[in-house]
Amino acid sequence: MDFKSISKRIVFSFSVVIAIVVLFIGYNYYAVKQSNSATEQIIDEELQLLIADYEQAQTIALRIAAARGYVLSGEEKYKKIFEDNVARAVETEQKRLAITESGDFSKLAEMSKEWSRYVEKEVLGVYDRGQIELATKNLASMSEKATEIREGYEELAQNRKQSINSLGEDIIKVGKNKQLTGIIVGIVIVIVSIMIALLSARIISRPIIAVTNRMQRITEGDLSEPALVVKSKDEVGQLTEATNKMSDILNSLLKQIQTVSNDVAAHSEELMQSSTEVKTGTEQIVDTVNEIASGTEVQASNASDVATTMTEFTLKMTDVNNSSTDVQQYSQNVMALTKEGQGLMDASTAQMTSIHHIVKDSVYKVDELSKQTQEISKIVAVIQDIAAQTNLLALNAAIEAARAGEHGKGFAVVADEVRKLAEQVAVSVDDITGIVQKIQRDSITVTSSLETGYQEVEKGTAQIASTNETFNQIAEAVYSMSTNINSMTTKLEEVVQNTVTINKSVDEIAAVSEQSAAGIQETSATIEQAASSMDEIKNSSANLADMAENLNDLVRKFKL
């Protein structure tokens, strides 16, 4: 049967035991009732019949004795005794017949009545008339019949006694059988009760023991056992289902923890390896940046020398032409996209990219400066040719003036002034030529330094790009810089403008070099800070790997 609660199962078991006990009590009651009925029958019938048979036999004997006593003594008391026993016999006969009718007893009763009537008439009546001998003779003649009647009653009593003994033996035998049956039934009831109790206890305790064993295995870390079979819907079945659900949830949870811890351990190893590679690349970048810083300092020194030379050149050109225009545009747009946790590498990449473009632009400007100085050299050569031709013309004019005499003196003075001016121009052109040549030499030196710095910047940029790629392209930066410079005019004014522009460009180169040095120093500090952060990341990764391994050790204590 499917019970939905333990209490119903226990009530049912005890109800079965109580029903068996009630049946046993009913059986005992029925057996006792049968025994009592048989005993009552013996007491109420058989024993009364036995007593009645004995009383009848006794009344016959008393009546015989009373009749003989009366015949022998003539005393009235014997006659009285005879009459009383006759009445007693009638009464006993009525009681006997009221209990049950019997042919033998009725026959004996009729014979007893006939004998009593005969004795009253032929013995007692004859004796009362004085015929003593006849009365004695008549009494003697009826003695055998009286004995026969008495013996008949005694035989009935004896038969009744045997019947009572037989019934008693039957009652005892039935009682013993019922007693044995009661013992057997009692033993059966006890056995059945024990079996029911054991079965109920087993039905109740077996799943509880199974749940207890399962919980014990779970506490020992064994979750590999299959789910417990639920055979009932009672509290024990609900407990079993709850245990199965708890085991499944623990199993799934531990498997997820194991998977996550393995992933964490693997990613921690990868992160440690990446951190080591990034740290190595960062150290290489620091070395490269230091080299770039050294080159940048040399570049800044050369740019400062060029600036000084260009200042002198500008002063010389100012003496030739005081009007000059300054046109310059210099723009720089920098966009930096940073992410939290990756800002240091972004800053490093941005700094190196900025340095790369700055140095590249410096190389470009120095190249332009070299080209412009070449243009200036060409213009100066043209001016020098013009000055030489002017000087030659002045000499020719002086000769012609001398030939003209007085009329050519004024022209001679003009020619002399023109010659002097040509000579001054020639001297100024020589000075300009020397300055331009010095600018060209300085430009070559600056160009060499810039190319060296540019190569170092390219190496640093390549290393940062490699490091950036190793770090899963940690940062991305875009730097742009554009500069437009108006072309120098072919006229002398363009020379002045170009000179001013060159001077400013040299100043900008010096400033850019200083900025480059400062930027490189900032980059070095940023990279060193990034290296320190990589150490922290590596240590954190190692701690995370240890924690993941400890978690795996805890999970491995469970057998999934």
Protein backbone atom coordinates (compact mmCIF):
# COMPACT_ATOMS: atom_id res chain seq x y z
CA MET A 1 0.00 0.00 0.00
CA ASP A 2 1.17 3.52 -0.74
CA PHE A 3 1.13 5.61 2.43
CA LYS A 4 1.69 9.34 2.29
CA SER A 5 2.80 9.66 5.93
CA ILE A 6 4.70 7.58 8.46
CA SER A 7 1.93 8.02 11.05
CA LYS A 8 -0.58 6.32 8.74
CA ARG A 9 1.86 3.47 8.14
CA ILE A 10 2.37 3.00 11.92
CA VAL A 11 -1.37 3.26 12.62
CA PHE A 12 -2.02 0.68 9.91
CA SER A 13 0.57 -1.73 11.37
CA PHE A 14 -0.79 -1.39 14.89
CA SER A 15 -4.34 -1.72 13.52
CA VAL A 16 -3.39 -5.07 11.96
CA VAL A 17 -1.90 -6.22 15.29
CA ILE A 18 -4.95 -5.00 17.20
CA ALA A 19 -7.26 -6.75 14.70
CA ILE A 20 -5.34 -10.02 15.19
CA VAL A 21 -5.52 -9.59 18.98
CA VAL A 22 -9.25 -8.86 18.76
CA LEU A 23 -9.73 -12.02 16.68
CA PHE A 24 -7.74 -13.98 19.25
CA ILE A 25 -9.83 -12.52 22.06
CA GLY A 26 -13.00 -13.40 20.10
CA TYR A 27 -11.74 -16.94 19.59
CA ASN A 28 -10.95 -17.29 23.30
CA TYR A 29 -14.33 -15.88 24.19
CA TYR A 30 -16.00 -18.36 21.85
CA ALA A 31 -13.96 -21.25 23.26
CA VAL A 32 -14.68 -20.25 26.85
CA LYS A 33 -18.31 -19.78 26.01
CA GLN A 34 -18.48 -23.28 24.54
CA SER A 35 -16.72 -24.69 27.61
CA ASN A 36 -19.07 -22.79 29.88
CA SER A 37 -22.05 -23.99 27.86
CA ALA A 38 -20.88 -27.60 28.12
CA THR A 39 -20.21 -27.18 31.84
CA GLU A 40 -23.58 -25.55 32.35
CA GLN A 41 -25.15 -28.44 30.47
CA ILE A 42 -23.45 -30.90 32.79
CA ILE A 43 -24.45 -28.91 35.84
CA ASP A 44 -27.97 -28.02 34.74
CA GLU A 45 -28.91 -31.29 33.02
CA GLU A 46 -26.60 -34.21 33.44
CA LEU A 47 -25.80 -33.58 37.08
CA GLN A 48 -29.46 -32.92 37.90
CA LEU A 49 -30.46 -36.08 36.03
CA LEU A 50 -27.77 -37.99 37.92
CA ILE A 51 -29.05 -36.61 41.22
CA ALA A 52 -32.62 -37.40 40.21
CA ASP A 53 -31.67 -40.99 39.27
CA TYR A 54 -29.84 -41.44 42.55
CA GLU A 55 -32.75 -39.89 44.47
CA GLN A 56 -35.20 -42.22 42.75
CA ALA A 57 -33.03 -45.21 43.60
CA GLN A 58 -32.74 -43.88 47.14
CA THR A 59 -36.51 -43.35 47.50
CA ILE A 60 -37.06 -46.93 46.33
CA ALA A 61 -34.61 -48.16 48.95
CA LEU A 62 -36.18 -45.94 51.64
CA ARG A 63 -39.66 -47.02 50.70
CA ILE A 64 -38.64 -50.70 50.86
CA ALA A 65 -37.06 -50.12 54.25
CA ALA A 66 -40.06 -48.09 55.50
CA ALA A 67 -42.51 -50.80 54.29
CA ARG A 68 -40.50 -53.50 56.01
CA GLY A 69 -40.20 -51.41 59.17
CA TYR A 70 -43.94 -50.82 59.20
CA VAL A 71 -44.75 -54.50 58.61
CA LEU A 72 -42.32 -55.56 61.31
CA SER A 73 -43.09 -52.88 63.92
CA GLY A 74 -46.37 -51.40 62.85
CA GLU A 75 -45.16 -47.96 63.75
CA GLU A 76 -46.80 -45.16 61.91
CA LYS A 77 -43.56 -43.31 61.36
CA TYR A 78 -42.48 -45.93 58.86
CA LYS A 79 -45.70 -45.52 57.03
CA LYS A 80 -45.12 -41.79 57.13
CA ILE A 81 -41.63 -42.26 55.73
CA PHE A 82 -43.04 -44.46 52.98
CA GLU A 83 -45.61 -41.89 52.03
CA ASP A 84 -43.07 -39.01 52.15
CA ASN A 85 -40.72 -40.89 49.86
CA VAL A 86 -43.58 -41.65 47.50
CA ALA A 87 -44.30 -37.92 47.33
CA ARG A 88 -40.61 -37.23 47.01
CA ALA A 89 -40.31 -39.72 44.16
CA VAL A 90 -43.23 -38.07 42.35
CA GLU A 91 -41.64 -34.68 42.79
CA THR A 92 -38.26 -35.95 41.63
CA GLU A 93 -39.92 -37.67 38.69
CA GLN A 94 -41.57 -34.41 37.67
CA LYS A 95 -38.28 -32.48 37.95
CA ARG A 96 -36.51 -35.22 36.03
CA LEU A 97 -39.06 -35.25 33.24
CA ALA A 98 -39.04 -31.43 33.20
CA ILE A 99 -35.33 -31.52 32.39
CA THR A 100 -35.53 -34.17 29.69
CA GLU A 101 -37.69 -37.11 28.79
CA SER A 102 -36.20 -40.60 28.82
CA GLY A 103 -37.93 -43.89 27.94
CA ASP A 104 -35.98 -45.91 30.50
CA PHE A 105 -36.64 -43.40 33.23
CA SER A 106 -40.34 -43.18 32.36
CA LYS A 107 -40.57 -46.97 32.36
CA LEU A 108 -38.88 -47.20 35.75
CA ALA A 109 -41.07 -44.37 37.03
CA GLU A 110 -44.18 -46.23 35.93
CA MET A 111 -42.91 -49.42 37.52
CA SER A 112 -42.12 -47.45 40.68
CA LYS A 113 -45.64 -46.08 40.75
CA GLU A 114 -47.19 -49.53 40.27
CA TRP A 115 -44.92 -50.95 43.00
CA SER A 116 -45.87 -48.08 45.34
CA ARG A 117 -49.58 -48.56 44.68
CA TYR A 118 -49.20 -52.31 45.20
CA VAL A 119 -47.35 -51.82 48.50
CA GLU A 120 -49.89 -49.28 49.74
CA LYS A 121 -52.79 -51.58 48.89
CA GLU A 122 -51.48 -55.11 49.26
CA VAL A 123 -48.97 -54.57 52.03
CA LEU A 124 -49.80 -51.51 54.08
CA GLY A 125 -53.56 -51.85 53.57
CA VAL A 126 -53.48 -55.58 54.30
CA TYR A 127 -51.36 -54.92 57.39
CA ASP A 128 -53.84 -52.27 58.53
CA ARG A 129 -56.59 -54.89 58.27
CA GLY A 130 -54.52 -57.15 60.52
CA GLN A 131 -53.30 -59.57 57.94
CA ILE A 132 -49.66 -59.29 58.90
CA GLU A 133 -48.45 -62.52 57.32
CA LEU A 134 -50.16 -61.75 54.03
CA ALA A 135 -48.73 -58.30 54.11
CA THR A 136 -45.28 -59.74 54.79
CA LYS A 137 -45.75 -62.28 52.06
CA ASN A 138 -46.92 -59.66 49.59
CA LEU A 139 -44.00 -57.41 50.52
CA ALA A 140 -41.59 -60.30 50.03
CA SER A 141 -43.06 -61.06 46.66
CA MET A 142 -42.52 -57.46 45.50
CA SER A 143 -39.00 -57.19 46.92
CA GLU A 144 -37.38 -58.44 43.73
CA LYS A 145 -39.33 -55.94 41.70
CA ALA A 146 -38.34 -53.16 44.07
CA THR A 147 -34.73 -54.25 43.77
CA GLU A 148 -35.09 -54.30 39.98
CA ILE A 149 -36.49 -50.76 40.02
CA ARG A 150 -33.74 -49.59 42.38
CA GLU A 151 -31.08 -51.23 40.31
CA GLY A 152 -32.65 -49.71 37.18
CA TYR A 153 -32.39 -46.25 38.72
CA GLU A 154 -28.86 -46.97 39.87
CA GLU A 155 -27.98 -48.21 36.40
CA LEU A 156 -29.44 -45.00 34.94
CA ALA A 157 -27.43 -43.01 37.50
CA GLN A 158 -24.32 -44.98 36.64
CA ASN A 159 -24.87 -44.41 32.93
CA ARG A 160 -25.53 -40.73 33.66
CA LYS A 161 -22.34 -40.63 35.69
CA GLN A 162 -20.38 -42.18 32.85
CA SER A 163 -22.00 -39.68 30.47
CA ILE A 164 -20.98 -36.85 32.79
CA ASN A 165 -17.45 -38.23 32.99
CA SER A 166 -17.38 -38.54 29.21
CA LEU A 167 -18.64 -34.97 28.80
CA GLY A 168 -16.10 -33.81 31.38
CA GLU A 169 -13.33 -35.58 29.51
CA ASP A 170 -14.58 -34.07 26.28
CA ILE A 171 -14.66 -30.64 27.90
CA ILE A 172 -11.16 -31.15 29.28
CA LYS A 173 -9.97 -32.41 25.90
CA VAL A 174 -11.62 -29.53 24.09
CA GLY A 175 -10.23 -27.18 26.71
CA LYS A 176 -6.75 -28.58 26.22
CA ASN A 177 -7.17 -28.34 22.45
CA LYS A 178 -8.44 -24.80 22.77
CA GLN A 179 -5.64 -24.06 25.23
CA LEU A 180 -3.10 -25.42 22.76
CA THR A 181 -4.84 -23.58 19.95
CA GLY A 182 -4.79 -20.42 22.06
CA ILE A 183 -1.08 -20.87 22.73
CA ILE A 184 -0.42 -21.51 19.04
CA VAL A 185 -2.60 -18.59 18.02
CA GLY A 186 -0.90 -16.44 20.68
CA ILE A 187 2.51 -17.47 19.38
CA VAL A 188 1.32 -16.80 15.83
CA ILE A 189 0.02 -13.41 16.95
CA VAL A 190 3.32 -12.65 18.65
CA ILE A 191 5.25 -13.79 15.57
CA VAL A 192 2.96 -11.86 13.22
CA SER A 193 3.19 -8.82 15.50
CA ILE A 194 6.98 -9.10 15.56
CA MET A 195 7.03 -9.56 11.79
CA ILE A 196 4.73 -6.57 11.32
CA ALA A 197 6.86 -4.55 13.73
CA LEU A 198 10.09 -5.62 12.00
CA LEU A 199 8.57 -5.06 8.56
CA SER A 200 7.27 -1.65 9.58
CA ALA A 201 10.58 -0.79 11.20
CA ARG A 202 12.42 -2.02 8.12
CA ILE A 203 10.14 -0.13 5.76
CA ILE A 204 10.60 3.03 7.84
CA SER A 205 14.24 2.61 8.85
CA ARG A 206 15.70 1.23 5.60
CA PRO A 207 15.22 4.44 3.57
CA ILE A 208 16.30 6.49 6.60
CA ILE A 209 19.44 4.34 6.89
CA ALA A 210 20.00 4.78 3.14
CA VAL A 211 19.59 8.56 3.50
CA THR A 212 21.92 8.52 6.54
CA ASN A 213 24.55 6.53 4.61
CA ARG A 214 24.20 8.87 1.64
CA MET A 215 24.61 11.92 3.91
CA GLN A 216 27.65 10.24 5.50
CA ARG A 217 29.17 9.68 2.05
CA ILE A 218 28.44 13.29 1.14
CA THR A 219 30.20 14.47 4.32
CA GLU A 220 33.14 12.25 3.29
CA GLY A 221 33.14 13.96 -0.14
CA ASP A 222 31.64 11.08 -2.18
CA LEU A 223 29.00 12.39 -4.61
CA SER A 224 29.40 9.62 -7.21
CA GLU A 225 26.61 7.38 -5.88
CA PRO A 226 23.44 7.11 -8.02
CA ALA A 227 20.21 8.72 -6.86
CA LEU A 228 18.30 6.91 -4.11
CA VAL A 229 15.15 5.09 -5.25
CA VAL A 230 12.00 6.71 -3.87
CA LYS A 231 9.38 4.03 -3.15
CA SER A 232 6.95 6.00 -0.99
CA LYS A 233 5.38 9.41 -0.78
CA ASP A 234 5.56 9.79 3.00
CA GLU A 235 7.95 11.93 5.02
CA VAL A 236 10.78 9.45 4.41
CA GLY A 237 10.16 9.58 0.65
CA GLN A 238 10.18 13.37 0.79
CA LEU A 239 13.44 13.23 2.78
CA THR A 240 14.92 10.88 0.15
CA GLU A 241 13.87 13.19 -2.70
CA ALA A 242 15.34 16.19 -0.84
CA THR A 243 18.60 14.24 -0.33
CA ASN A 244 18.73 13.37 -4.05
CA LYS A 245 18.14 17.00 -4.99
CA MET A 246 20.79 18.19 -2.52
CA SER A 247 23.28 15.62 -3.90
CA ASP A 248 22.55 16.66 -7.50
CA ILE A 249 22.87 20.36 -6.67
CA LEU A 250 26.14 19.79 -4.78
CA ASN A 251 27.48 17.63 -7.64
CA SER A 252 26.60 20.27 -10.26
CA LEU A 253 27.91 23.10 -8.09
CA LEU A 254 31.24 21.34 -7.42
CA LYS A 255 31.66 20.52 -11.13
CA GLN A 256 31.06 24.17 -12.00
CA ILE A 257 33.53 25.25 -9.29
CA GLN A 258 36.09 22.76 -10.63
CA THR A 259 35.63 24.02 -14.21
CA VAL A 260 35.87 27.66 -13.13
CA SER A 261 38.93 26.99 -10.95
CA ASN A 262 40.65 25.16 -13.83
CA ASP A 263 39.86 28.05 -16.17
CA VAL A 264 41.13 30.54 -13.59
CA ALA A 265 44.34 28.52 -13.13
CA ALA A 266 44.89 28.30 -16.91
CA HIS A 267 44.18 32.01 -17.44
CA SER A 268 46.40 32.85 -14.48
CA GLU A 269 49.28 30.92 -16.06
CA GLU A 270 48.67 32.69 -19.38
CA LEU A 271 48.48 36.04 -17.61
CA MET A 272 51.71 35.31 -15.72
CA GLN A 273 53.44 34.37 -18.99
CA SER A 274 52.06 37.45 -20.76
CA SER A 275 53.13 39.62 -17.81
CA THR A 276 56.65 38.19 -18.01
CA GLU A 277 56.79 38.85 -21.76
CA VAL A 278 55.39 42.36 -21.29
CA LYS A 279 57.90 43.01 -18.52
CA THR A 280 60.77 41.84 -20.77
CA GLY A 281 59.50 44.01 -23.62
CA THR A 282 59.10 46.92 -21.21
CA GLU A 283 62.70 46.57 -20.04
CA GLN A 284 63.81 46.58 -23.69
CA ILE A 285 61.68 49.67 -24.28
CA VAL A 286 63.28 51.37 -21.26
CA ASP A 287 66.73 50.68 -22.73
CA THR A 288 65.64 51.96 -26.15
CA VAL A 289 64.03 55.03 -24.63
CA ASN A 290 67.20 55.78 -22.71
CA GLU A 291 69.17 55.56 -25.96
CA ILE A 292 66.59 57.82 -27.64
CA ALA A 293 66.88 60.25 -24.72
CA SER A 294 70.65 60.42 -25.21
CA GLY A 295 70.20 61.01 -28.96
CA THR A 296 67.53 63.60 -28.26
CA GLU A 297 69.84 65.50 -25.90
CA VAL A 298 72.52 65.59 -28.63
CA GLN A 299 69.85 66.69 -31.10
CA ALA A 300 68.69 69.45 -28.75
CA SER A 301 72.30 70.67 -28.34
CA ASN A 302 72.84 70.73 -32.12
CA ALA A 303 69.50 72.45 -32.61
CA SER A 304 70.56 75.10 -30.09
CA ASP A 305 73.79 75.69 -32.05
CA VAL A 306 71.82 75.97 -35.27
CA ALA A 307 69.47 78.45 -33.57
CA THR A 308 72.41 80.64 -32.56
CA THR A 309 73.81 80.57 -36.10
CA MET A 310 70.40 81.34 -37.58
CA THR A 311 70.07 84.31 -35.22
CA GLU A 312 73.30 85.75 -36.56
CA PHE A 313 72.17 85.03 -40.11
CA THR A 314 68.84 86.77 -39.46
CA LEU A 315 70.63 89.86 -38.16
CA LYS A 316 72.76 89.99 -41.32
CA MET A 317 69.66 89.60 -43.51
CA THR A 318 67.90 92.32 -41.47
CA ASP A 319 70.66 94.71 -42.46
CA VAL A 320 69.94 93.93 -46.14
CA ASN A 321 66.17 94.02 -45.88
CA ASN A 322 64.32 95.14 -42.77
CA SER A 323 60.91 94.13 -44.09
CA SER A 324 60.03 90.57 -43.47
CA THR A 325 56.89 88.58 -42.92
CA ASP A 326 56.43 85.69 -40.59
CA VAL A 327 54.09 83.01 -41.75
CA GLN A 328 53.94 79.78 -39.84
CA GLN A 329 51.38 77.23 -39.00
CA TYR A 330 52.06 74.53 -36.66
CA SER A 331 49.27 72.22 -35.46
CA GLN A 332 49.22 69.07 -33.51
CA ASN A 333 46.19 66.98 -32.73
CA VAL A 334 46.49 64.11 -30.42
CA MET A 335 43.76 61.64 -29.61
CA ALA A 336 44.22 59.04 -26.95
CA LEU A 337 41.82 56.25 -26.22
CA THR A 338 42.50 54.75 -22.88
CA LYS A 339 41.00 51.83 -21.05
CA GLU A 340 41.06 51.19 -17.32
CA GLY A 341 43.84 48.79 -16.42
CA GLN A 342 45.60 49.39 -19.79
CA GLY A 343 46.24 53.11 -19.58
CA LEU A 344 49.97 52.76 -18.89
CA MET A 345 50.67 50.83 -22.11
CA ASP A 346 48.36 53.22 -24.00
CA ALA A 347 50.40 56.17 -22.67
CA SER A 348 53.67 54.43 -23.63
CA THR A 349 52.46 53.71 -27.16
CA ALA A 350 51.13 57.27 -27.52
CA GLN A 351 54.43 58.77 -26.31
CA MET A 352 56.51 56.65 -28.70
CA THR A 353 54.17 57.41 -31.60
CA SER A 354 54.36 61.13 -30.80
CA ILE A 355 58.16 60.97 -30.62
CA HIS A 356 58.22 59.07 -33.94
CA HIS A 357 56.19 61.76 -35.69
CA ILE A 358 58.09 64.61 -34.02
CA VAL A 359 61.46 63.24 -35.02
CA LYS A 360 60.17 62.45 -38.52
CA ASP A 361 58.87 66.01 -38.81
CA SER A 362 62.20 67.35 -37.51
CA VAL A 363 64.03 65.38 -40.21
CA TYR A 364 61.64 66.78 -42.77
CA LYS A 365 62.14 70.34 -41.55
CA VAL A 366 65.92 70.01 -41.52
CA ASP A 367 65.73 68.63 -45.08
CA GLU A 368 63.64 71.64 -46.03
CA LEU A 369 66.15 73.89 -44.26
CA SER A 370 68.97 72.34 -46.30
CA LYS A 371 67.01 72.88 -49.48
CA GLN A 372 66.25 76.48 -48.53
CA THR A 373 69.90 77.17 -47.70
CA GLN A 374 70.78 75.79 -51.12
CA GLU A 375 68.27 78.20 -52.64
CA ILE A 376 69.82 80.97 -50.58
CA SER A 377 73.27 79.92 -51.87
CA LYS A 378 71.99 80.16 -55.42
CA ILE A 379 70.47 83.60 -54.76
CA VAL A 380 73.67 84.72 -53.03
CA ALA A 381 75.66 83.45 -56.04
CA VAL A 382 73.39 85.48 -58.33
CA ILE A 383 73.87 88.54 -56.09
CA GLN A 384 77.62 87.91 -56.10
CA ASP A 385 77.58 87.75 -59.90
CA ILE A 386 75.52 90.95 -60.02
CA ALA A 387 77.95 92.63 -57.61
CA ALA A 388 80.94 91.55 -59.76
CA GLN A 389 79.24 92.80 -62.92
CA THR A 390 78.35 96.03 -61.10
CA ASN A 391 81.93 96.44 -59.98
CA LEU A 392 83.10 95.76 -63.56
CA LEU A 393 80.57 98.28 -64.90
CA ALA A 394 81.73 100.80 -62.28
CA LEU A 395 85.34 100.36 -63.45
CA ASN A 396 84.27 100.76 -67.05
CA ALA A 397 82.25 103.86 -66.07
CA ALA A 398 85.30 105.34 -64.24
CA ILE A 399 87.45 104.72 -67.28
CA GLU A 400 84.88 106.35 -69.52
CA ALA A 401 84.56 109.26 -67.07
CA ALA A 402 88.30 109.73 -67.07
CA ARG A 403 88.26 109.83 -70.84
CA ALA A 404 85.46 112.40 -70.71
CA GLY A 405 87.52 114.73 -68.61
CA GLU A 406 85.71 117.45 -66.77
CA HIS A 407 82.41 116.36 -68.18
CA GLY A 408 82.77 112.89 -66.75
CA LYS A 409 83.74 113.81 -63.15
CA GLY A 410 80.20 113.63 -61.89
CA PHE A 411 79.68 110.29 -63.50
CA ALA A 412 83.04 109.18 -62.13
CA VAL A 413 81.88 110.04 -58.62
CA VAL A 414 78.69 108.04 -59.17
CA ALA A 415 80.66 105.19 -60.66
CA ASP A 416 83.00 105.25 -57.66
CA GLU A 417 80.02 105.13 -55.27
CA VAL A 418 78.53 102.27 -57.26
CA ARG A 419 81.84 100.43 -57.09
CA LYS A 420 82.06 100.99 -53.37
CA LEU A 421 78.48 99.76 -52.97
CA ALA A 422 79.30 96.72 -55.12
CA GLU A 423 82.33 96.02 -52.99
CA GLN A 424 80.21 96.33 -49.82
CA VAL A 425 77.64 94.02 -51.37
CA ALA A 426 80.41 91.57 -52.27
CA VAL A 427 81.70 91.67 -48.70
CA SER A 428 78.14 91.13 -47.36
CA VAL A 429 77.64 88.31 -49.86
CA ASP A 430 80.85 86.70 -48.65
CA ASP A 431 79.62 86.94 -45.08
CA ILE A 432 76.24 85.52 -46.09
CA THR A 433 77.96 82.74 -48.00
CA GLY A 434 79.98 81.85 -44.90
CA ILE A 435 76.87 81.87 -42.74
CA VAL A 436 74.96 79.75 -45.23
CA GLN A 437 77.81 77.26 -45.44
CA LYS A 438 77.90 77.05 -41.63
CA ILE A 439 74.12 76.55 -41.61
CA GLN A 440 74.52 73.77 -44.16
CA ARG A 441 77.22 72.08 -42.07
CA ASP A 442 75.09 72.42 -38.94
CA SER A 443 72.09 71.16 -40.90
CA ILE A 444 74.09 68.09 -41.96
CA THR A 445 75.05 67.48 -38.31
CA VAL A 446 71.44 67.98 -37.16
CA THR A 447 70.21 65.76 -39.99
CA SER A 448 72.66 63.01 -38.94
CA SER A 449 71.55 63.33 -35.32
CA LEU A 450 67.92 63.37 -36.34
CA GLU A 451 68.39 60.31 -38.54
CA THR A 452 70.11 58.50 -35.69
CA GLY A 453 67.30 59.57 -33.33
CA TYR A 454 64.77 58.63 -35.99
CA GLN A 455 66.29 55.16 -36.30
CA GLU A 456 66.23 54.78 -32.52
CA VAL A 457 62.64 56.03 -32.48
CA GLU A 458 61.75 53.50 -35.17
CA LYS A 459 63.36 50.74 -33.08
CA GLY A 460 61.48 51.93 -29.99
CA THR A 461 58.25 52.17 -31.99
CA ALA A 462 58.77 48.66 -33.38
CA GLN A 463 59.48 47.30 -29.89
CA ILE A 464 56.43 49.04 -28.44
CA ALA A 465 54.35 47.73 -31.36
CA SER A 466 55.67 44.21 -30.67
CA THR A 467 55.00 44.63 -26.94
CA ASN A 468 51.61 46.08 -27.72
CA GLU A 469 50.83 43.07 -29.92
CA THR A 470 52.10 40.69 -27.18
CA PHE A 471 49.78 42.38 -24.73
CA ASN A 472 46.85 41.66 -27.11
CA GLN A 473 47.15 45.12 -28.65
CA ILE A 474 46.68 46.73 -25.26
CA ALA A 475 46.55 50.23 -26.60
CA GLU A 476 45.88 52.04 -29.76
CA ALA A 477 46.78 55.62 -30.42
CA VAL A 478 46.64 57.98 -33.25
CA TYR A 479 48.79 60.98 -33.46
CA SER A 480 48.77 63.38 -36.29
CA MET A 481 50.81 66.40 -36.94
CA SER A 482 50.78 68.61 -40.04
CA THR A 483 52.80 71.68 -40.87
CA ASN A 484 52.48 73.90 -43.90
CA ILE A 485 55.12 76.46 -44.69
CA ASN A 486 54.74 78.98 -47.50
CA SER A 487 57.30 78.73 -50.26
CA MET A 488 59.95 81.28 -50.33
CA THR A 489 59.64 83.89 -53.00
CA THR A 490 62.31 84.18 -55.65
CA LYS A 491 62.83 87.72 -54.70
CA LEU A 492 65.10 89.06 -52.05
CA GLU A 493 62.09 89.52 -49.75
CA GLU A 494 61.48 85.75 -49.98
CA VAL A 495 65.05 85.21 -48.79
CA VAL A 496 64.29 87.36 -45.75
CA GLN A 497 61.01 85.57 -45.13
CA ASN A 498 62.70 82.19 -45.55
CA THR A 499 65.42 83.28 -43.18
CA VAL A 500 62.89 84.25 -40.55
CA THR A 501 61.01 81.04 -41.17
CA ILE A 502 64.21 79.00 -40.89
CA ASN A 503 65.05 80.77 -37.64
CA LYS A 504 61.65 79.95 -36.24
CA SER A 505 61.93 76.42 -37.54
CA VAL A 506 65.25 76.00 -35.79
CA ASP A 507 63.70 77.37 -32.60
CA GLU A 508 60.85 74.95 -33.03
CA ILE A 509 63.34 72.14 -33.62
CA ALA A 510 65.07 73.05 -30.37
CA ALA A 511 61.72 73.25 -28.58
CA VAL A 512 60.61 69.98 -30.17
CA SER A 513 63.89 68.38 -29.18
CA GLU A 514 63.37 69.58 -25.63
CA GLN A 515 59.78 68.32 -25.78
CA SER A 516 61.04 65.04 -27.18
CA ALA A 517 63.52 64.73 -24.32
CA ALA A 518 60.79 65.54 -21.79
CA GLY A 519 58.36 63.17 -23.52
CA ILE A 520 60.96 60.42 -23.59
CA GLN A 521 61.62 60.92 -19.89
CA GLU A 522 57.87 60.77 -19.20
CA THR A 523 57.65 57.69 -21.41
CA SER A 524 60.53 56.07 -19.52
CA ALA A 525 58.81 56.81 -16.20
CA THR A 526 55.49 55.51 -17.56
CA ILE A 527 57.14 52.35 -18.89
CA GLU A 528 58.92 51.79 -15.57
CA GLN A 529 55.57 52.25 -13.82
CA ALA A 530 54.06 49.78 -16.32
CA ALA A 531 56.86 47.31 -15.47
CA SER A 532 56.04 47.73 -11.78
CA SER A 533 52.37 47.16 -12.59
CA MET A 534 53.34 44.04 -14.55
CA ASP A 535 55.15 42.76 -11.43
CA GLU A 536 52.00 43.37 -9.40
CA ILE A 537 49.91 41.66 -12.09
CA LYS A 538 52.34 38.72 -12.11
CA ASN A 539 52.20 38.44 -8.30
CA SER A 540 48.40 38.74 -8.34
CA SER A 541 48.28 36.09 -11.09
CA ALA A 542 50.48 33.79 -8.98
CA ASN A 543 48.23 34.35 -5.95
CA LEU A 544 45.17 33.73 -8.12
CA ALA A 545 46.73 30.51 -9.46
CA ASP A 546 47.49 29.37 -5.89
CA MET A 547 43.92 30.15 -4.82
CA ALA A 548 42.58 28.26 -7.86
CA GLU A 549 44.83 25.28 -7.00
CA ASN A 550 43.63 25.38 -3.36
CA LEU A 551 40.05 25.46 -4.62
CA ASN A 552 40.81 22.48 -6.89
CA ASP A 553 42.30 20.63 -3.90
CA LEU A 554 39.11 21.26 -1.95
CA VAL A 555 36.96 20.12 -4.88
CA ARG A 556 39.12 16.99 -5.40
CA LYS A 557 38.18 15.92 -1.87
CA PHE A 558 34.74 15.25 -3.33
CA LYS A 559 34.25 12.18 -5.50
CA LEU A 560 32.00 13.37 -8.33
